[in-house]
N, C-alpha and C. Protein backbone atom coordinates (compact mmCIF):
# COMPACT_ATOMS: atom_id res chain seq x y z
N MET A 1 0.83 -1.16 0.00
CA MET A 1 0.00 0.00 0.00
C MET A 1 0.89 1.24 0.00
N LYS A 2 0.59 2.18 -0.86
CA LYS A 2 1.39 3.40 -0.94
C LYS A 2 0.83 4.48 -0.03
N VAL A 3 1.72 5.29 0.48
CA VAL A 3 1.32 6.43 1.30
C VAL A 3 1.23 7.63 0.38
N LYS A 4 0.10 8.28 0.38
CA LYS A 4 -0.09 9.43 -0.48
C LYS A 4 -0.37 10.68 0.35
N ARG A 5 0.29 11.76 -0.04
CA ARG A 5 0.07 13.03 0.63
C ARG A 5 0.10 14.11 -0.43
N GLY A 6 -0.77 15.05 -0.34
CA GLY A 6 -0.75 16.13 -1.32
C GLY A 6 -1.91 17.07 -1.15
N THR A 7 -1.95 18.04 -2.00
CA THR A 7 -3.04 19.01 -1.97
C THR A 7 -3.59 19.18 -3.38
N LYS A 8 -4.85 19.50 -3.45
CA LYS A 8 -5.49 19.77 -4.73
C LYS A 8 -6.64 20.72 -4.46
N ASN A 9 -6.57 21.89 -5.06
CA ASN A 9 -7.62 22.89 -4.87
C ASN A 9 -7.84 23.20 -3.40
N ASP A 10 -6.76 23.37 -2.67
CA ASP A 10 -6.78 23.70 -1.25
C ASP A 10 -7.43 22.63 -0.37
N VAL A 11 -7.56 21.42 -0.88
CA VAL A 11 -8.04 20.31 -0.08
C VAL A 11 -6.82 19.48 0.30
N ILE A 12 -6.64 19.24 1.59
CA ILE A 12 -5.49 18.49 2.06
C ILE A 12 -5.87 17.02 2.19
N PHE A 13 -5.09 16.16 1.56
CA PHE A 13 -5.30 14.73 1.65
C PHE A 13 -4.44 14.19 2.79
N PRO A 14 -5.01 13.45 3.72
CA PRO A 14 -4.22 12.94 4.85
C PRO A 14 -3.28 11.82 4.42
N VAL A 15 -2.32 11.54 5.26
CA VAL A 15 -1.44 10.40 5.04
C VAL A 15 -2.22 9.13 5.34
N TYR A 16 -2.18 8.18 4.45
CA TYR A 16 -2.90 6.93 4.64
C TYR A 16 -1.89 5.82 4.88
N ALA A 17 -1.79 5.34 6.11
CA ALA A 17 -0.86 4.27 6.46
C ALA A 17 -1.56 3.31 7.41
N VAL A 18 -1.91 2.13 6.92
CA VAL A 18 -2.63 1.17 7.75
C VAL A 18 -1.80 -0.03 8.15
N ARG A 19 -0.68 -0.26 7.48
CA ARG A 19 0.10 -1.46 7.76
C ARG A 19 0.83 -1.32 9.09
N TYR A 20 0.84 -2.39 9.84
CA TYR A 20 1.50 -2.40 11.14
C TYR A 20 3.01 -2.31 11.01
N ASP A 21 3.57 -2.63 9.84
CA ASP A 21 5.01 -2.59 9.68
C ASP A 21 5.50 -1.32 8.99
N HIS A 22 4.64 -0.35 8.86
CA HIS A 22 5.03 0.94 8.28
C HIS A 22 5.86 1.72 9.31
N PRO A 23 6.95 2.36 8.90
CA PRO A 23 7.80 3.08 9.86
C PRO A 23 7.06 4.12 10.71
N HIS A 24 6.06 4.77 10.14
CA HIS A 24 5.30 5.76 10.91
C HIS A 24 4.49 5.08 12.02
N ILE A 25 3.94 3.93 11.72
CA ILE A 25 3.16 3.19 12.71
C ILE A 25 4.06 2.70 13.84
N ILE A 26 5.20 2.13 13.49
CA ILE A 26 6.14 1.63 14.50
C ILE A 26 6.65 2.77 15.37
N ALA A 27 6.97 3.90 14.76
CA ALA A 27 7.43 5.06 15.53
C ALA A 27 6.35 5.55 16.49
N GLY A 28 5.12 5.57 16.02
CA GLY A 28 4.02 5.99 16.89
C GLY A 28 3.82 5.05 18.06
N GLN A 29 3.93 3.76 17.80
CA GLN A 29 3.78 2.78 18.87
C GLN A 29 4.95 2.84 19.84
N GLY A 30 6.10 3.32 19.36
CA GLY A 30 7.26 3.48 20.23
C GLY A 30 7.02 4.45 21.37
N THR A 31 6.08 5.37 21.18
CA THR A 31 5.79 6.32 22.26
C THR A 31 5.23 5.61 23.49
N VAL A 32 4.59 4.46 23.29
CA VAL A 32 4.10 3.68 24.43
C VAL A 32 5.28 3.23 25.29
N GLY A 33 6.32 2.73 24.62
CA GLY A 33 7.52 2.32 25.34
C GLY A 33 8.19 3.47 26.07
N LEU A 34 8.23 4.63 25.42
CA LEU A 34 8.82 5.81 26.05
C LEU A 34 8.04 6.21 27.30
N GLU A 35 6.72 6.17 27.22
CA GLU A 35 5.90 6.53 28.38
C GLU A 35 6.12 5.55 29.53
N ILE A 36 6.26 4.28 29.21
CA ILE A 36 6.48 3.28 30.26
C ILE A 36 7.77 3.57 31.01
N VAL A 37 8.87 3.77 30.28
CA VAL A 37 10.15 3.98 30.96
C VAL A 37 10.23 5.34 31.65
N GLU A 38 9.44 6.30 31.21
CA GLU A 38 9.42 7.61 31.87
C GLU A 38 8.59 7.61 33.14
N GLN A 39 7.54 6.77 33.18
CA GLN A 39 6.60 6.83 34.29
C GLN A 39 6.78 5.75 35.35
N VAL A 40 7.51 4.70 35.03
CA VAL A 40 7.67 3.58 35.96
C VAL A 40 9.14 3.44 36.33
N GLU A 41 9.41 3.34 37.62
CA GLU A 41 10.79 3.17 38.08
C GLU A 41 11.10 1.70 38.31
N ASN A 42 12.37 1.36 38.21
CA ASN A 42 12.87 0.02 38.51
C ASN A 42 12.11 -1.07 37.74
N ILE A 43 12.08 -0.96 36.44
CA ILE A 43 11.37 -1.93 35.60
C ILE A 43 12.28 -3.14 35.36
N ASP A 44 11.74 -4.31 35.63
CA ASP A 44 12.45 -5.56 35.31
C ASP A 44 12.01 -6.10 33.96
N ALA A 45 10.69 -6.02 33.70
CA ALA A 45 10.14 -6.58 32.47
C ALA A 45 8.89 -5.80 32.08
N VAL A 46 8.58 -5.84 30.79
CA VAL A 46 7.36 -5.22 30.27
C VAL A 46 6.64 -6.28 29.46
N ILE A 47 5.35 -6.47 29.73
CA ILE A 47 4.53 -7.42 28.98
C ILE A 47 3.79 -6.65 27.90
N ILE A 48 3.97 -7.06 26.65
CA ILE A 48 3.37 -6.36 25.52
C ILE A 48 2.54 -7.35 24.71
N PRO A 49 1.25 -7.04 24.47
CA PRO A 49 0.43 -7.94 23.66
C PRO A 49 0.80 -7.85 22.18
N VAL A 50 0.55 -8.93 21.45
CA VAL A 50 0.87 -8.96 20.03
C VAL A 50 -0.40 -9.24 19.24
N GLY A 51 -0.64 -8.39 18.26
CA GLY A 51 -1.74 -8.59 17.32
C GLY A 51 -1.13 -8.60 15.93
N GLY A 52 -1.00 -7.42 15.36
CA GLY A 52 -0.38 -7.29 14.05
C GLY A 52 1.12 -7.17 14.10
N GLY A 53 1.64 -6.73 15.24
CA GLY A 53 3.08 -6.62 15.40
C GLY A 53 3.61 -5.21 15.54
N GLY A 54 2.78 -4.21 15.25
CA GLY A 54 3.24 -2.83 15.34
C GLY A 54 3.56 -2.38 16.75
N LEU A 55 2.72 -2.76 17.70
CA LEU A 55 2.92 -2.34 19.09
C LEU A 55 4.19 -2.96 19.66
N ILE A 56 4.39 -4.24 19.47
CA ILE A 56 5.58 -4.90 19.99
C ILE A 56 6.83 -4.35 19.31
N ALA A 57 6.77 -4.10 18.02
CA ALA A 57 7.94 -3.59 17.30
C ALA A 57 8.34 -2.22 17.81
N GLY A 58 7.39 -1.31 17.90
CA GLY A 58 7.70 0.05 18.32
C GLY A 58 8.06 0.17 19.79
N ALA A 59 7.25 -0.44 20.64
CA ALA A 59 7.48 -0.33 22.08
C ALA A 59 8.77 -1.03 22.49
N ALA A 60 9.00 -2.23 21.99
CA ALA A 60 10.21 -2.97 22.33
C ALA A 60 11.46 -2.24 21.83
N LEU A 61 11.38 -1.68 20.64
CA LEU A 61 12.53 -0.93 20.10
C LEU A 61 12.87 0.25 20.99
N ALA A 62 11.86 1.01 21.40
CA ALA A 62 12.09 2.18 22.26
C ALA A 62 12.63 1.75 23.62
N ILE A 63 12.04 0.74 24.21
CA ILE A 63 12.46 0.30 25.55
C ILE A 63 13.88 -0.26 25.52
N LYS A 64 14.16 -1.15 24.58
CA LYS A 64 15.48 -1.77 24.52
C LYS A 64 16.58 -0.79 24.12
N THR A 65 16.23 0.23 23.35
CA THR A 65 17.22 1.25 22.98
C THR A 65 17.65 2.04 24.20
N LEU A 66 16.68 2.39 25.05
CA LEU A 66 16.98 3.19 26.24
C LEU A 66 17.47 2.35 27.42
N HIS A 67 16.91 1.15 27.56
CA HIS A 67 17.23 0.29 28.72
C HIS A 67 17.35 -1.17 28.25
N PRO A 68 18.51 -1.54 27.71
CA PRO A 68 18.66 -2.90 27.19
C PRO A 68 18.52 -4.00 28.24
N GLU A 69 18.60 -3.64 29.49
CA GLU A 69 18.49 -4.65 30.56
C GLU A 69 17.05 -5.05 30.84
N ILE A 70 16.07 -4.29 30.37
CA ILE A 70 14.66 -4.60 30.59
C ILE A 70 14.26 -5.77 29.70
N GLN A 71 13.59 -6.75 30.29
CA GLN A 71 13.12 -7.91 29.55
C GLN A 71 11.77 -7.60 28.91
N ILE A 72 11.59 -7.97 27.66
CA ILE A 72 10.32 -7.80 26.95
C ILE A 72 9.64 -9.16 26.91
N VAL A 73 8.40 -9.23 27.43
CA VAL A 73 7.63 -10.46 27.45
C VAL A 73 6.47 -10.29 26.48
N VAL A 74 6.36 -11.22 25.54
CA VAL A 74 5.30 -11.18 24.52
C VAL A 74 4.10 -11.95 25.04
N SER A 75 2.92 -11.34 24.91
CA SER A 75 1.71 -12.06 25.34
C SER A 75 0.72 -12.19 24.21
């Protein structure tokens, strides 16, 4: 699926990205991981549910980048 963005006659077309493996989706889901490490102290592990894969990809990437010692548990 292609992402399209543009304007025509002053009408703005939104970005259309539905795939869970799209970089924008993964980056957005990474904010969940950032919020977890910012709000919770002394984290040993984080349990992340898996559906399409976007949430686990983004959140785990953010968490492991900042705190590689935290264990990621897939549910």
